[in-house]
Amino acid sequence: MHKLQPRMLPLLAAVTEKPLEKLHHVSGQFWIKVILAFAALAVLIFLFKKVLGMNKIILVIICFVIVGVFGFNWVYERNEPAFLTPIIEPIANSGFLPTKGAYEGKQAQDPTDAKKTKPTSQPAQPTKK
């Protein structure tokens, strides 16, 4: 019969260990996370049932406000998730909404440079009669 190699002994111990003995090796943090996950699932189911009974106009307004707050924050701070970058990039570069970098760049400009440039159109001079 073959002798077991020393490196195979831990593997053999793991295979022969009973399930209840394996549970003793699981940390307490794992069980806390499992309990919190079940509690979160129960809260989500409860909220989902409440949302189904809500007035749909109120629900649309709440969703619009939440999406708007997140959207404006992502455009201003540029901290959107990576998969939303193709959507947020054109919006942020359009110049319609303010971005943090554009504001800081504008504040860093020398104000005397703006005074040196003359307006391109001259105001109309009143005519003498």
N, C-alpha and C. Protein backbone atom coordinates (compact mmCIF):
# COMPACT_ATOMS: atom_id res chain seq x y z
N MET A 1 0.83 -1.18 0.00
CA MET A 1 0.00 0.00 0.00
C MET A 1 0.87 1.24 0.00
N HIS A 2 0.39 2.31 -0.61
CA HIS A 2 1.16 3.55 -0.70
C HIS A 2 1.14 4.28 0.62
N LYS A 3 2.26 4.91 0.90
CA LYS A 3 2.30 5.80 2.04
C LYS A 3 1.85 7.18 1.57
N LEU A 4 1.10 7.88 2.40
CA LEU A 4 0.66 9.22 2.05
C LEU A 4 1.82 10.19 2.17
N GLN A 5 1.90 11.05 1.21
CA GLN A 5 2.92 12.08 1.26
C GLN A 5 2.53 13.10 2.33
N PRO A 6 3.50 13.74 2.99
CA PRO A 6 3.17 14.69 4.05
C PRO A 6 2.33 15.86 3.57
N ARG A 7 2.47 16.27 2.33
CA ARG A 7 1.67 17.41 1.84
C ARG A 7 0.22 17.04 1.60
N MET A 8 -0.12 15.78 1.57
CA MET A 8 -1.49 15.34 1.34
C MET A 8 -2.29 15.20 2.64
N LEU A 9 -1.62 15.23 3.79
CA LEU A 9 -2.32 15.04 5.06
C LEU A 9 -3.37 16.12 5.34
N PRO A 10 -3.09 17.42 5.12
CA PRO A 10 -4.16 18.41 5.36
C PRO A 10 -5.36 18.21 4.46
N LEU A 11 -5.12 17.79 3.23
CA LEU A 11 -6.23 17.54 2.31
C LEU A 11 -7.08 16.37 2.78
N LEU A 12 -6.42 15.34 3.26
CA LEU A 12 -7.14 14.18 3.78
C LEU A 12 -7.93 14.57 5.02
N ALA A 13 -7.37 15.42 5.87
CA ALA A 13 -8.08 15.86 7.08
C ALA A 13 -9.31 16.68 6.71
N ALA A 14 -9.20 17.48 5.66
CA ALA A 14 -10.34 18.30 5.25
C ALA A 14 -11.45 17.45 4.67
N VAL A 15 -11.10 16.38 4.00
CA VAL A 15 -12.11 15.51 3.40
C VAL A 15 -12.81 14.69 4.46
N THR A 16 -12.09 14.23 5.46
CA THR A 16 -12.69 13.37 6.47
C THR A 16 -13.39 14.14 7.57
N GLU A 17 -13.25 15.44 7.60
CA GLU A 17 -13.88 16.24 8.64
C GLU A 17 -15.39 16.30 8.41
N LYS A 18 -16.16 16.15 9.45
CA LYS A 18 -17.62 16.16 9.35
C LYS A 18 -18.12 17.60 9.20
N PRO A 19 -19.30 17.79 8.59
CA PRO A 19 -19.83 19.15 8.39
C PRO A 19 -19.98 19.94 9.69
N LEU A 20 -20.43 19.30 10.74
CA LEU A 20 -20.58 20.03 12.01
C LEU A 20 -19.23 20.49 12.55
N GLU A 21 -18.19 19.69 12.32
CA GLU A 21 -16.86 20.10 12.75
C GLU A 21 -16.35 21.27 11.92
N LYS A 22 -16.73 21.30 10.64
CA LYS A 22 -16.33 22.41 9.77
C LYS A 22 -16.98 23.72 10.23
N LEU A 23 -18.19 23.64 10.76
CA LEU A 23 -18.88 24.86 11.21
C LEU A 23 -18.16 25.53 12.37
N HIS A 24 -17.41 24.78 13.14
CA HIS A 24 -16.67 25.36 14.26
C HIS A 24 -15.52 26.25 13.77
N HIS A 25 -15.08 26.03 12.56
CA HIS A 25 -13.96 26.81 12.01
C HIS A 25 -14.42 28.10 11.33
N VAL A 26 -15.73 28.27 11.15
CA VAL A 26 -16.27 29.47 10.50
C VAL A 26 -16.28 30.61 11.52
N SER A 27 -15.82 31.78 11.07
CA SER A 27 -15.71 32.91 12.01
C SER A 27 -17.09 33.49 12.33
N GLY A 28 -17.16 34.21 13.41
CA GLY A 28 -18.40 34.85 13.84
C GLY A 28 -18.82 35.97 12.90
N GLN A 29 -17.83 36.63 12.25
CA GLN A 29 -18.16 37.70 11.31
C GLN A 29 -18.96 37.18 10.13
N PHE A 30 -18.68 35.95 9.71
CA PHE A 30 -19.44 35.36 8.61
C PHE A 30 -20.91 35.23 8.99
N TRP A 31 -21.19 34.75 10.20
CA TRP A 31 -22.58 34.56 10.62
C TRP A 31 -23.29 35.90 10.78
N ILE A 32 -22.56 36.92 11.22
CA ILE A 32 -23.16 38.25 11.32
C ILE A 32 -23.53 38.75 9.94
N LYS A 33 -22.66 38.53 8.96
CA LYS A 33 -22.96 38.96 7.58
C LYS A 33 -24.15 38.20 7.01
N VAL A 34 -24.26 36.92 7.32
CA VAL A 34 -25.39 36.12 6.84
C VAL A 34 -26.70 36.65 7.44
N ILE A 35 -26.69 36.93 8.73
CA ILE A 35 -27.89 37.45 9.39
C ILE A 35 -28.26 38.82 8.83
N LEU A 36 -27.26 39.68 8.61
CA LEU A 36 -27.53 41.00 8.03
C LEU A 36 -28.06 40.90 6.60
N ALA A 37 -27.57 39.93 5.84
CA ALA A 37 -28.06 39.74 4.48
C ALA A 37 -29.53 39.32 4.48
N PHE A 38 -29.91 38.41 5.38
CA PHE A 38 -31.31 38.00 5.49
C PHE A 38 -32.19 39.16 5.96
N ALA A 39 -31.69 39.97 6.89
CA ALA A 39 -32.45 41.13 7.36
C ALA A 39 -32.62 42.15 6.23
N ALA A 40 -31.58 42.37 5.45
CA ALA A 40 -31.67 43.30 4.32
C ALA A 40 -32.67 42.80 3.28
N LEU A 41 -32.65 41.50 3.04
CA LEU A 41 -33.61 40.92 2.10
C LEU A 41 -35.05 41.10 2.60
N ALA A 42 -35.27 40.89 3.89
CA ALA A 42 -36.61 41.07 4.46
C ALA A 42 -37.06 42.52 4.34
N VAL A 43 -36.15 43.46 4.60
CA VAL A 43 -36.49 44.89 4.49
C VAL A 43 -36.80 45.24 3.04
N LEU A 44 -36.02 44.72 2.09
CA LEU A 44 -36.28 44.99 0.68
C LEU A 44 -37.64 44.45 0.25
N ILE A 45 -38.00 43.27 0.69
CA ILE A 45 -39.31 42.71 0.34
C ILE A 45 -40.42 43.56 0.94
N PHE A 46 -40.25 44.01 2.20
CA PHE A 46 -41.24 44.86 2.84
C PHE A 46 -41.39 46.18 2.08
N LEU A 47 -40.26 46.81 1.72
CA LEU A 47 -40.31 48.08 0.99
C LEU A 47 -40.92 47.90 -0.40
N PHE A 48 -40.61 46.79 -1.06
CA PHE A 48 -41.15 46.53 -2.38
C PHE A 48 -42.68 46.42 -2.33
N LYS A 49 -43.18 45.75 -1.31
CA LYS A 49 -44.64 45.64 -1.16
C LYS A 49 -45.28 46.99 -0.89
N LYS A 50 -44.61 47.84 -0.10
CA LYS A 50 -45.13 49.18 0.17
C LYS A 50 -45.12 50.04 -1.09
N VAL A 51 -44.06 49.90 -1.88
CA VAL A 51 -43.95 50.70 -3.11
C VAL A 51 -45.05 50.31 -4.09
N LEU A 52 -45.39 49.03 -4.15
CA LEU A 52 -46.45 48.60 -5.06
C LEU A 52 -47.80 49.23 -4.70
N GLY A 53 -47.99 49.57 -3.43
CA GLY A 53 -49.25 50.18 -3.01
C GLY A 53 -49.23 51.71 -3.05
N MET A 54 -48.10 52.31 -3.43
CA MET A 54 -47.98 53.77 -3.45
C MET A 54 -48.67 54.37 -4.66
N ASN A 55 -48.94 55.66 -4.54
CA ASN A 55 -49.40 56.44 -5.67
C ASN A 55 -48.25 56.52 -6.67
N LYS A 56 -48.51 56.21 -7.93
CA LYS A 56 -47.44 56.11 -8.93
C LYS A 56 -46.82 57.47 -9.24
N ILE A 57 -47.58 58.55 -9.16
CA ILE A 57 -47.02 59.88 -9.41
C ILE A 57 -45.99 60.22 -8.34
N ILE A 58 -46.31 59.95 -7.09
CA ILE A 58 -45.37 60.20 -6.00
C ILE A 58 -44.12 59.35 -6.18
N LEU A 59 -44.28 58.11 -6.60
CA LEU A 59 -43.15 57.21 -6.84
C LEU A 59 -42.26 57.75 -7.97
N VAL A 60 -42.85 58.25 -9.03
CA VAL A 60 -42.08 58.81 -10.14
C VAL A 60 -41.31 60.05 -9.69
N ILE A 61 -41.94 60.90 -8.88
CA ILE A 61 -41.27 62.10 -8.39
C ILE A 61 -40.08 61.73 -7.50
N ILE A 62 -40.27 60.77 -6.61
CA ILE A 62 -39.18 60.33 -5.73
C ILE A 62 -38.03 59.75 -6.56
N CYS A 63 -38.35 58.92 -7.54
CA CYS A 63 -37.31 58.34 -8.39
C CYS A 63 -36.59 59.42 -9.19
N PHE A 64 -37.32 60.41 -9.70
CA PHE A 64 -36.72 61.50 -10.47
C PHE A 64 -35.75 62.29 -9.60
N VAL A 65 -36.13 62.58 -8.37
CA VAL A 65 -35.26 63.33 -7.47
C VAL A 65 -34.00 62.52 -7.15
N ILE A 66 -34.15 61.25 -6.87
CA ILE A 66 -32.99 60.41 -6.54
C ILE A 66 -32.04 60.31 -7.73
N VAL A 67 -32.57 60.04 -8.91
CA VAL A 67 -31.73 59.93 -10.11
C VAL A 67 -31.09 61.28 -10.42
N GLY A 68 -31.82 62.37 -10.24
CA GLY A 68 -31.27 63.69 -10.49
C GLY A 68 -30.12 64.03 -9.55
N VAL A 69 -30.29 63.75 -8.27
CA VAL A 69 -29.23 64.03 -7.31
C VAL A 69 -27.98 63.23 -7.63
N PHE A 70 -28.14 61.93 -7.88
CA PHE A 70 -26.99 61.11 -8.23
C PHE A 70 -26.38 61.56 -9.56
N GLY A 71 -27.21 61.86 -10.54
CA GLY A 71 -26.70 62.28 -11.85
C GLY A 71 -25.91 63.57 -11.77
N PHE A 72 -26.45 64.58 -11.09
CA PHE A 72 -25.73 65.86 -10.98
C PHE A 72 -24.44 65.68 -10.20
N ASN A 73 -24.47 64.84 -9.17
CA ASN A 73 -23.25 64.59 -8.40
C ASN A 73 -22.20 63.91 -9.28
N TRP A 74 -22.61 62.94 -10.08
CA TRP A 74 -21.66 62.25 -10.95
C TRP A 74 -21.09 63.20 -12.00
N VAL A 75 -21.91 64.09 -12.55
CA VAL A 75 -21.41 65.02 -13.56
C VAL A 75 -20.47 66.03 -12.93
N TYR A 76 -20.80 66.55 -11.76
CA TYR A 76 -19.96 67.57 -11.11
C TYR A 76 -18.67 66.98 -10.58
N GLU A 77 -18.75 65.89 -9.84
CA GLU A 77 -17.58 65.30 -9.20
C GLU A 77 -16.82 64.33 -10.10
N ARG A 78 -17.48 63.82 -11.14
CA ARG A 78 -16.91 62.80 -12.03
C ARG A 78 -16.50 61.56 -11.26
N ASN A 79 -17.39 61.08 -10.39
CA ASN A 79 -17.13 59.88 -9.61
C ASN A 79 -18.16 58.79 -9.91
N GLU A 80 -18.63 58.75 -11.15
CA GLU A 80 -19.63 57.77 -11.54
C GLU A 80 -19.01 56.38 -11.63
N PRO A 81 -19.84 55.33 -11.56
CA PRO A 81 -19.31 53.98 -11.77
C PRO A 81 -18.74 53.85 -13.18
N ALA A 82 -17.79 52.96 -13.34
CA ALA A 82 -17.08 52.84 -14.62
C ALA A 82 -18.02 52.49 -15.78
N PHE A 83 -19.06 51.70 -15.52
CA PHE A 83 -19.94 51.30 -16.62
C PHE A 83 -20.85 52.45 -17.08
N LEU A 84 -20.97 53.52 -16.28
CA LEU A 84 -21.78 54.67 -16.69
C LEU A 84 -20.96 55.78 -17.33
N THR A 85 -19.65 55.63 -17.39
CA THR A 85 -18.80 56.68 -17.96
C THR A 85 -19.18 57.02 -19.40
N PRO A 86 -19.50 56.05 -20.28
CA PRO A 86 -19.89 56.44 -21.65
C PRO A 86 -21.15 57.30 -21.69
N ILE A 87 -22.00 57.24 -20.69
CA ILE A 87 -23.21 58.06 -20.66
C ILE A 87 -22.92 59.42 -20.04
N ILE A 88 -22.13 59.45 -18.96
CA ILE A 88 -21.86 60.69 -18.23
C ILE A 88 -20.85 61.56 -18.97
N GLU A 89 -19.91 60.96 -19.69
CA GLU A 89 -18.85 61.71 -20.37
C GLU A 89 -19.39 62.78 -21.32
N PRO A 90 -20.31 62.46 -22.24
CA PRO A 90 -20.82 63.52 -23.13
C PRO A 90 -21.60 64.60 -22.39
N ILE A 91 -22.29 64.21 -21.34
CA ILE A 91 -23.05 65.20 -20.57
C ILE A 91 -22.11 66.16 -19.87
N ALA A 92 -21.03 65.62 -19.28
CA ALA A 92 -20.07 66.46 -18.55
C ALA A 92 -19.29 67.35 -19.50
N ASN A 93 -19.00 66.88 -20.72
CA ASN A 93 -18.21 67.66 -21.67
C ASN A 93 -19.04 68.63 -22.49
N SER A 94 -20.36 68.59 -22.34
CA SER A 94 -21.21 69.47 -23.13
C SER A 94 -21.10 70.92 -22.70
N GLY A 95 -20.72 71.15 -21.46
CA GLY A 95 -20.60 72.52 -20.97
C GLY A 95 -21.91 73.07 -20.43
N PHE A 96 -22.99 72.33 -20.56
CA PHE A 96 -24.28 72.80 -20.07
C PHE A 96 -24.36 72.73 -18.56
N LEU A 97 -23.86 71.63 -17.99
CA LEU A 97 -23.85 71.47 -16.54
C LEU A 97 -22.45 71.79 -16.00
N PRO A 98 -22.37 72.37 -14.82
CA PRO A 98 -21.04 72.70 -14.28
C PRO A 98 -20.30 71.43 -13.84
N THR A 99 -18.98 71.48 -13.96
CA THR A 99 -18.13 70.41 -13.46
C THR A 99 -17.10 71.00 -12.52
N LYS A 100 -16.61 70.19 -11.62
CA LYS A 100 -15.67 70.66 -10.61
C LYS A 100 -14.38 71.16 -11.26
N GLY A 101 -13.86 70.46 -12.23
CA GLY A 101 -12.62 70.86 -12.89
C GLY A 101 -12.75 72.16 -13.63
N ALA A 102 -13.89 72.40 -14.28
CA ALA A 102 -14.09 73.64 -15.03
C ALA A 102 -14.15 74.84 -14.09
N TYR A 103 -14.80 74.67 -12.95
CA TYR A 103 -14.89 75.76 -11.98
C TYR A 103 -13.52 76.09 -11.41
N GLU A 104 -12.75 75.07 -11.05
CA GLU A 104 -11.42 75.31 -10.49
C GLU A 104 -10.51 75.93 -11.53
N GLY A 105 -10.64 75.52 -12.78
CA GLY A 105 -9.84 76.12 -13.85
C GLY A 105 -10.18 77.58 -14.06
N LYS A 106 -11.45 77.91 -13.97
CA LYS A 106 -11.88 79.30 -14.15
C LYS A 106 -11.39 80.16 -12.99
N GLN A 107 -11.38 79.61 -11.78
CA GLN A 107 -10.91 80.36 -10.63
C GLN A 107 -9.40 80.56 -10.66
N ALA A 108 -8.68 79.65 -11.33
CA ALA A 108 -7.23 79.75 -11.40
C ALA A 108 -6.76 80.77 -12.42
N GLN A 109 -7.66 81.23 -13.29
CA GLN A 109 -7.28 82.22 -14.30
C GLN A 109 -6.92 83.54 -13.65
N ASP A 110 -6.00 84.26 -14.28
CA ASP A 110 -5.60 85.58 -13.81
C ASP A 110 -6.68 86.58 -14.23
N PRO A 111 -7.26 87.33 -13.28
CA PRO A 111 -8.34 88.24 -13.66
C PRO A 111 -7.86 89.38 -14.55
N THR A 112 -6.59 89.71 -14.53
CA THR A 112 -6.10 90.80 -15.39
C THR A 112 -6.12 90.39 -16.85
N ASP A 113 -6.05 89.07 -17.15
CA ASP A 113 -6.12 88.62 -18.53
C ASP A 113 -7.48 88.94 -19.13
N ALA A 114 -8.53 88.85 -18.35
CA ALA A 114 -9.87 89.14 -18.85
C ALA A 114 -10.03 90.62 -19.15
N LYS A 115 -9.33 91.49 -18.40
CA LYS A 115 -9.44 92.94 -18.63
C LYS A 115 -8.66 93.37 -19.86
N LYS A 116 -7.61 92.65 -20.22
CA LYS A 116 -6.78 93.01 -21.36
C LYS A 116 -7.49 92.78 -22.67
N THR A 117 -8.38 91.81 -22.72
CA THR A 117 -9.09 91.54 -23.97
C THR A 117 -10.19 92.56 -24.14
N LYS A 118 -10.25 93.10 -25.35
CA LYS A 118 -11.27 94.11 -25.65
C LYS A 118 -12.47 93.42 -26.26
N PRO A 119 -13.64 93.95 -26.02
CA PRO A 119 -14.82 93.35 -26.64
C PRO A 119 -14.73 93.48 -28.16
N THR A 120 -15.27 92.53 -28.87
CA THR A 120 -15.19 92.52 -30.33
C THR A 120 -16.14 93.52 -30.95
N SER A 121 -17.24 93.78 -30.35
CA SER A 121 -18.18 94.74 -30.93
C SER A 121 -18.20 96.01 -30.09
N GLN A 122 -18.16 97.13 -30.76
CA GLN A 122 -18.20 98.43 -30.09
C GLN A 122 -19.65 98.86 -29.94
N PRO A 123 -19.96 99.49 -28.81
CA PRO A 123 -21.33 99.99 -28.67
C PRO A 123 -21.58 101.10 -29.70
N ALA A 124 -22.81 101.20 -30.10
CA ALA A 124 -23.18 102.20 -31.11
C ALA A 124 -23.02 103.58 -30.53
N GLN A 125 -22.39 104.47 -31.31
CA GLN A 125 -22.19 105.87 -30.91
C GLN A 125 -23.44 106.67 -31.30
N PRO A 126 -23.86 107.53 -30.40
CA PRO A 126 -25.03 108.34 -30.76
C PRO A 126 -24.64 109.34 -31.86
N THR A 127 -25.52 109.55 -32.79
CA THR A 127 -25.28 110.49 -33.88
C THR A 127 -25.79 111.87 -33.51
N LYS A 128 -25.04 112.90 -33.94
CA LYS A 128 -25.45 114.29 -33.67
C LYS A 128 -26.23 114.79 -34.85
N LYS A 129 -27.26 115.53 -34.55
CA LYS A 129 -28.08 116.10 -35.62
C LYS A 129 -27.94 117.57 -35.65
